[in-house]
Structures are given as C-alpha cells and as structure tokens.
C-alpha cells in the first residue's frame, strides 16, 4: 500500500506524525501546548530544535534556579512590551515556586536580578553599546554578584526572549485560553485559504475595531467626495493628496495611540526607563558610536 501512495501524501503523513509526536511531548512536559508551539508546528523540524533548546534553558540542570529563569524571561519580554510572554512566564514563575511578591514589579525583586536591568535594556535595543565594563560590574565580588556561569545563562535567556518576542509579534500570536483576554489558537493551514485562526482573529474586539476603522474611513471618503462637488477649481491631484492624508491618519493614529496608552500595567512594572529604545547607529553625517567586536 505504501508503494502505491503518492510521494506528496507520504511526505505529508510523515510531517503530521512528527508534529503529533512533538505536540504530545510538549503536552506531557508542560501540561499544555502553548500557541507558540502550535504556530511553529507548521515547521516540525524547526519546532523540534526550538522546543529542545527552550527545554534545556528552562527545565534542565543549570546554575540558575527555575523561578529565576522565568523571572529573567519576564524581564526580557517586558522590555519589548510583549504581554503574551510576560503573562505566560508569570504563570510558570508561580508554578515552580516563585515568590508572588516579585510579580508586583521589578522593584520587588532581589537586587541581584535588578542589576540585570541595564544589560537587559542594552541587549534589547542597542547591543552595540555593551562593553566589558558592563560584564565586570555584574561579576564583581559582593553580596549581589553573579558567577560567570549564572551570568552566561542569564544572558542567553535574555537574548532568547528578546528574539521570541519578535516572533510573537510577527505571527500575531494571541494569549492562551486560560490567560486574560485569551482564546484558542490553531496553526494556519497551508492547504486552505480559511482556518480557525483566521476566523478567530476577526471574532474579538480586534475585529470590531478594524470594522470601525473601515466605517470611519468610508465616512471620510464620502465627505471628501461631497466637498469636491461643492468646491470649484480643485484638481483631481489635489483631492487625491487630501484623500491619502485622511486615509493615513485614519489607519495609523488610532491603533498606535491606543496601544501605547492601554498597555497593561503588569508589563510596564517590569520595565525601568521605558523611553529607552532602538537608535540607529549608522546615520550619515554623524560619528558612529563604538561597536563591540568579538575579535
């Protein structure tokens, strides 16, 4: 029977079997399959490498206790204001015995963890500014000093979750069903134009907001057309320019402003100096700051 199966069908069955095994392993290990795993499941080989790497970082032997690993993940995700990852690792932090008081904000955590704030901020936004002095400051002898092994694991966790935050934003991953504001997530089907994920993405408040934006835009278009009839001497080019300006304002102002002002406090409480962000270091006409070269 196998010999009669089309090659594509054999390949697809192999992929599905591999993915099924990975999802079973993830469920047995963590007690659930999170939405990141579901989305990455479209590429089982990549998911396998990613999942094993993250398992080693968070659950296997290492110099840092489990609850501190999750708290460092929270610090990294909060730096990019990724509420999905912050919420996920707040739950994990409590599950492995972390002190709930630490989740009130960075100021409630031990000074040793708070000392990571500066290097976390630089790694997230301007890593070329990191110097050997930043490492020395964390390793210096004292009550809150880091061992080299601890610091290496902490830095790997920070950079891992900085990158993972970008993946979450890029794929539009939603909170889990048991998280606040969460709902189910299914990996998009490569064989169909429609999927539960696409239906769900338009089901909540996001879909309503999008429809409201369209309605506002259509109303502005109508007003522009009416004004065109009333005004004399207005060229088509001028009207097109005016329409494009209205469209840009309609589509850009609302989402960005609302997102900035409605960011949940359970993310910002883990961030110091939230105004610090990426700044281009290759601008023409200016002397570039020194960059860190491994050699």
Protein backbone atom coordinates (compact mmCIF):
# COMPACT_ATOMS: atom_id res chain seq x y z
CA UNK A 1 0.00 0.00 0.00
CA UNK A 2 2.88 2.32 0.77
CA UNK A 3 4.33 1.87 -2.71
CA UNK A 4 1.05 2.97 -4.26
CA UNK A 5 0.80 6.15 -2.18
CA UNK A 6 1.70 9.39 -3.95
CA UNK A 7 5.06 10.83 -2.74
CA UNK A 8 3.39 14.03 -1.53
CA UNK A 9 0.90 12.06 0.54
CA UNK A 10 3.71 10.01 2.14
CA UNK A 11 5.61 13.20 2.97
CA UNK A 12 2.53 14.85 4.44
CA UNK A 13 1.77 11.82 6.58
CA UNK A 14 5.35 11.84 7.84
CA UNK A 15 5.15 15.52 8.73
CA UNK A 16 1.85 15.06 10.54
CA UNK A 17 3.24 12.10 12.50
CA UNK A 18 6.34 14.07 13.51
CA UNK A 19 4.28 17.07 14.55
CA UNK A 20 1.85 14.89 16.52
CA UNK A 21 4.74 13.36 18.46
CA UNK A 22 6.22 16.79 19.22
CA UNK A 23 2.89 18.12 20.48
CA UNK A 24 2.45 15.07 22.70
CA UNK A 25 5.95 15.59 24.17
CA UNK A 26 5.24 19.28 24.76
CA UNK A 27 1.95 18.48 26.49
CA UNK A 28 3.48 15.81 28.72
CA UNK A 29 6.32 18.16 29.66
CA UNK A 30 4.42 21.40 30.27
CA UNK A 31 0.85 20.22 30.83
CA UNK A 32 -0.39 22.11 27.79
CA UNK A 33 0.58 23.09 24.26
CA UNK A 34 1.04 26.85 24.03
CA UNK A 35 0.20 28.91 20.97
CA UNK A 36 3.85 29.44 20.02
CA UNK A 37 4.24 25.67 19.68
CA UNK A 38 1.05 25.45 17.63
CA UNK A 39 2.21 28.10 15.16
CA UNK A 40 5.73 26.68 14.87
CA UNK A 41 4.13 23.30 14.22
CA UNK A 42 3.92 24.27 10.56
CA UNK A 43 7.68 23.57 10.51
CA UNK A 44 8.17 20.46 12.70
CA UNK A 45 11.96 20.30 12.30
CA UNK A 46 12.35 23.91 13.40
CA UNK A 47 9.86 23.39 16.24
CA UNK A 48 11.85 20.37 17.42
CA UNK A 49 15.10 22.34 17.66
CA UNK A 50 13.39 25.33 19.25
CA UNK A 51 11.47 23.28 21.79
CA UNK A 52 14.55 21.26 22.84
CA UNK A 53 16.61 24.43 23.22
CA UNK A 54 13.99 26.14 25.35
CA UNK A 55 13.55 22.96 27.42
CA UNK A 56 17.29 22.93 28.16
CA UNK A 57 17.23 26.61 29.12
CA UNK A 58 14.23 26.45 31.42
CA UNK A 59 13.98 22.92 32.82
CA UNK A 60 17.34 21.15 32.74
CA UNK A 61 20.24 21.44 35.19
CA UNK A 62 21.93 24.83 35.31
CA UNK A 63 23.34 27.40 37.71
CA UNK A 64 20.11 29.40 37.99
CA UNK A 65 17.08 28.11 39.95
CA UNK A 66 13.94 27.58 37.87
CA UNK A 67 11.95 30.52 39.24
CA UNK A 68 14.77 32.98 38.46
CA UNK A 69 14.96 31.69 34.90
CA UNK A 70 11.30 32.53 34.38
CA UNK A 71 11.70 35.93 36.03
CA UNK A 72 14.55 36.76 33.65
CA UNK A 73 12.27 35.72 30.77
CA UNK A 74 9.66 38.15 32.13
CA UNK A 75 12.23 40.96 32.28
CA UNK A 76 13.30 40.34 28.68
CA UNK A 77 9.77 40.11 27.28
CA UNK A 78 8.65 43.20 29.21
CA UNK A 79 11.50 45.18 27.67
CA UNK A 80 9.76 44.70 24.30
CA UNK A 81 6.33 45.08 25.95
CA UNK A 82 5.28 41.57 24.89
CA UNK A 83 2.35 40.94 27.21
CA UNK A 84 1.85 37.40 25.83
CA UNK A 85 5.26 36.15 27.01
CA UNK A 86 5.10 38.14 30.25
CA UNK A 87 1.79 36.52 31.16
CA UNK A 88 2.98 33.06 30.15
CA UNK A 89 6.09 33.21 32.34
CA UNK A 90 4.35 34.84 35.27
CA UNK A 91 2.26 31.67 35.42
CA UNK A 92 5.33 29.46 35.09
CA UNK A 93 7.18 31.51 37.73
CA UNK A 94 4.42 30.80 40.25
CA UNK A 95 4.13 27.16 39.19
CA UNK A 96 7.78 26.45 40.06
CA UNK A 97 7.52 28.15 43.46
CA UNK A 98 8.43 31.77 42.73
CA UNK A 99 7.59 34.48 45.29
CA UNK A 100 4.32 36.18 44.19
CA UNK A 101 5.54 39.48 45.62
CA UNK A 102 8.19 39.70 42.88
CA UNK A 103 5.43 39.90 40.28
CA UNK A 104 4.34 43.28 41.62
CA UNK A 105 7.24 44.79 39.70
CA UNK A 106 10.99 44.88 39.25
CA UNK A 107 11.46 46.90 42.46
CA UNK A 108 10.12 43.95 44.47
CA UNK A 109 12.70 41.51 43.09
CA UNK A 110 16.10 40.88 44.72
CA UNK A 111 18.83 43.40 43.92
CA UNK A 112 20.83 40.70 42.12
CA UNK A 113 18.09 40.35 39.49
CA UNK A 114 17.52 44.09 39.33
CA UNK A 115 21.19 44.53 38.46
CA UNK A 116 20.43 42.83 35.11
CA UNK A 117 18.21 45.75 34.11
CA UNK A 118 20.93 47.79 32.40
CA UNK A 119 22.32 44.97 30.28
CA UNK A 120 18.77 43.78 29.51
CA UNK A 121 17.93 47.26 28.24
CA UNK A 122 21.03 47.45 26.05
CA UNK A 123 20.69 43.92 24.66
CA UNK A 124 17.08 44.62 23.72
CA UNK A 125 17.60 47.93 21.92
CA UNK A 126 21.27 48.91 21.42
CA UNK A 127 23.51 45.87 21.93
CA UNK A 128 26.48 47.56 20.24
CA UNK A 129 26.85 49.79 23.31
CA UNK A 130 27.69 46.87 25.63
CA UNK A 131 31.29 46.93 26.87
CA UNK A 132 33.42 44.69 29.09
CA UNK A 133 32.66 47.10 31.96
CA UNK A 134 29.02 46.01 31.95
CA UNK A 135 30.13 42.39 32.42
CA UNK A 136 32.70 43.28 35.07
CA UNK A 137 30.12 45.24 37.07
CA UNK A 138 27.90 42.16 37.34
CA UNK A 139 30.77 39.79 38.17
CA UNK A 140 32.50 41.93 40.79
CA UNK A 141 32.78 40.43 44.26
CA UNK A 142 29.94 41.38 46.57
CA UNK A 143 26.65 40.34 48.12
CA UNK A 144 24.75 40.60 44.82
CA UNK A 145 27.46 39.44 42.45
CA UNK A 146 26.87 36.95 39.64
CA UNK A 147 29.04 33.95 38.95
CA UNK A 148 30.25 33.60 35.37
CA UNK A 149 28.09 30.50 34.82
CA UNK A 150 24.98 32.25 36.17
CA UNK A 151 25.57 35.31 34.03
CA UNK A 152 26.07 33.28 30.85
CA UNK A 153 22.74 31.51 31.36
CA UNK A 154 21.02 34.80 32.21
CA UNK A 155 22.32 36.49 29.06
CA UNK A 156 21.26 33.56 26.87
CA UNK A 157 17.77 33.74 28.39
CA UNK A 158 17.58 37.49 27.82
CA UNK A 159 18.57 37.30 24.16
CA UNK A 160 16.36 34.24 23.58
CA UNK A 161 13.26 36.05 24.83
CA UNK A 162 14.09 39.29 23.05
CA UNK A 163 14.04 37.30 19.81
CA UNK A 164 10.98 35.28 20.77
CA UNK A 165 9.05 38.50 21.43
CA UNK A 166 9.65 39.47 17.80
CA UNK A 167 8.33 36.09 16.67
CA UNK A 168 5.20 36.53 18.80
CA UNK A 169 4.52 40.00 17.36
CA UNK A 170 5.33 38.94 13.80
CA UNK A 171 2.95 35.97 13.88
CA UNK A 172 0.19 37.79 15.77
CA UNK A 173 0.09 35.13 18.47
CA UNK A 174 -2.81 35.54 20.91
CA UNK A 175 -2.98 34.74 24.64
CA UNK A 176 -3.85 31.21 25.72
CA UNK A 177 -7.48 30.36 26.51
CA UNK A 178 -6.72 30.38 30.23
CA UNK A 179 -4.96 33.75 30.10
CA UNK A 180 -6.74 37.10 30.42
CA UNK A 181 -8.24 38.02 27.06
CA UNK A 182 -7.10 34.74 25.60
CA UNK A 183 -8.77 32.48 23.10
CA UNK A 184 -7.90 29.41 21.15
CA UNK A 185 -5.20 29.34 18.51
CA UNK A 186 -4.80 26.95 15.60
CA UNK A 187 -1.84 26.86 13.23
CA UNK A 188 -2.79 28.37 9.86
CA UNK A 189 -3.47 25.65 7.30
CA UNK A 190 -1.07 25.59 4.35
CA UNK A 191 -3.75 23.80 2.29
CA UNK A 192 -6.66 26.17 2.72
CA UNK A 193 -7.41 29.86 2.47
CA UNK A 194 -9.59 29.72 5.56
CA UNK A 195 -8.77 28.34 9.00
CA UNK A 196 -10.00 28.63 12.60
CA UNK A 197 -7.17 31.08 13.25
CA UNK A 198 -8.33 33.46 10.56
CA UNK A 199 -11.94 33.26 11.74
CA UNK A 200 -10.94 33.79 15.33
CA UNK A 201 -8.72 36.74 14.61
CA UNK A 202 -11.77 38.68 13.47
CA UNK A 203 -14.01 37.44 16.24
CA UNK A 204 -12.98 39.53 19.23
CA UNK A 205 -12.56 43.20 19.89
CA UNK A 206 -9.78 43.40 17.30
CA UNK A 207 -12.23 42.55 14.52
CA UNK A 208 -14.74 45.11 15.77
CA UNK A 209 -12.04 47.78 15.95
CA UNK A 210 -11.00 47.01 12.39
CA UNK A 211 -14.57 47.33 11.15
CA UNK A 212 -14.97 50.64 12.98
CA UNK A 213 -11.81 51.93 11.29
CA UNK A 214 -13.19 50.98 7.89
CA UNK A 215 -16.50 52.71 8.66
CA UNK A 216 -14.71 55.89 9.73
CA UNK A 217 -12.57 55.80 6.59
CA UNK A 218 -15.61 55.34 4.34
CA UNK A 219 -17.38 58.25 6.02
CA UNK A 220 -14.37 60.49 5.41
CA UNK A 221 -14.26 59.40 1.78
CA UNK A 222 -17.91 60.35 1.43
CA UNK A 223 -17.29 63.80 2.91
CA UNK A 224 -14.36 64.34 0.58
CA UNK A 225 -16.48 63.48 -2.45
CA UNK A 226 -19.17 65.88 -1.32
CA UNK A 227 -16.67 68.66 -0.76
CA UNK A 228 -15.25 68.04 -4.22
CA UNK A 229 -18.65 68.75 -5.76
CA UNK A 230 -19.00 71.96 -3.74
CA UNK A 231 -15.56 73.34 -4.34
CA UNK A 232 -14.62 74.74 -7.68
CA UNK A 233 -11.16 74.74 -9.10
CA UNK A 234 -9.92 71.77 -7.08
CA UNK A 235 -7.96 69.39 -9.25
CA UNK A 236 -8.14 65.61 -9.09
CA UNK A 237 -4.49 65.51 -7.96
CA UNK A 238 -5.22 67.79 -5.00
CA UNK A 239 -8.20 65.71 -4.00
CA UNK A 240 -6.16 62.51 -4.24
CA UNK A 241 -3.48 64.01 -2.00
CA UNK A 242 -6.08 65.08 0.54
CA UNK A 243 -7.67 61.63 0.48
CA UNK A 244 -4.34 59.89 1.06
CA UNK A 245 -3.66 62.16 4.04
CA UNK A 246 -7.04 61.35 5.55
CA UNK A 247 -6.51 57.63 4.96
CA UNK A 248 -3.09 57.66 6.60
CA UNK A 249 -4.40 59.48 9.67
CA UNK A 250 -7.37 57.14 9.92
CA UNK A 251 -5.32 53.93 9.74
CA UNK A 252 -2.22 54.92 11.72
CA UNK A 253 -3.21 57.21 14.57
CA UNK A 254 -5.86 55.10 16.23
CA UNK A 255 -4.03 51.75 16.66
CA UNK A 256 -0.66 53.15 17.78
CA UNK A 257 -2.03 55.68 20.25
CA UNK A 258 -4.45 53.24 21.83
CA UNK A 259 -1.76 50.57 22.11
CA UNK A 260 0.63 52.96 23.88
CA UNK A 261 -1.90 54.18 26.42
CA UNK A 262 -3.63 50.89 27.11
CA UNK A 263 -0.50 48.78 27.73
CA UNK A 264 -1.18 46.64 30.75
CA UNK A 265 0.50 47.69 33.96
CA UNK A 266 1.62 44.11 34.59
CA UNK A 267 4.14 44.62 31.76
CA UNK A 268 5.38 48.13 32.48
CA UNK A 269 6.04 47.32 36.14
CA UNK A 270 8.98 45.18 35.00
CA UNK A 271 10.50 47.98 32.90
CA UNK A 272 12.76 50.79 34.01
CA UNK A 273 13.47 53.67 31.65
CA UNK A 274 10.70 52.69 29.18
CA UNK A 275 11.63 55.57 26.87
CA UNK A 276 14.96 53.90 26.03
CA UNK A 277 14.61 52.32 22.58
CA UNK A 278 16.47 51.49 19.39
CA UNK A 279 18.51 54.28 17.87
CA UNK A 280 20.18 53.96 14.50
CA UNK A 281 23.96 53.96 14.84
CA UNK A 282 24.76 54.34 11.12
CA UNK A 283 23.20 57.73 10.43
CA UNK A 284 25.02 59.70 7.78
CA UNK A 285 26.87 62.83 8.76
CA UNK A 286 27.41 61.71 12.35
CA UNK A 287 30.23 59.91 14.06
CA UNK A 288 29.06 56.37 14.81
CA UNK A 289 29.39 55.16 18.40
CA UNK A 290 31.95 52.42 19.09
CA UNK A 291 30.65 48.90 18.46
CA UNK A 292 31.65 45.71 20.21
CA UNK A 293 33.85 43.41 18.07
CA UNK A 294 34.43 39.86 19.25
CA UNK A 295 37.88 39.71 17.69
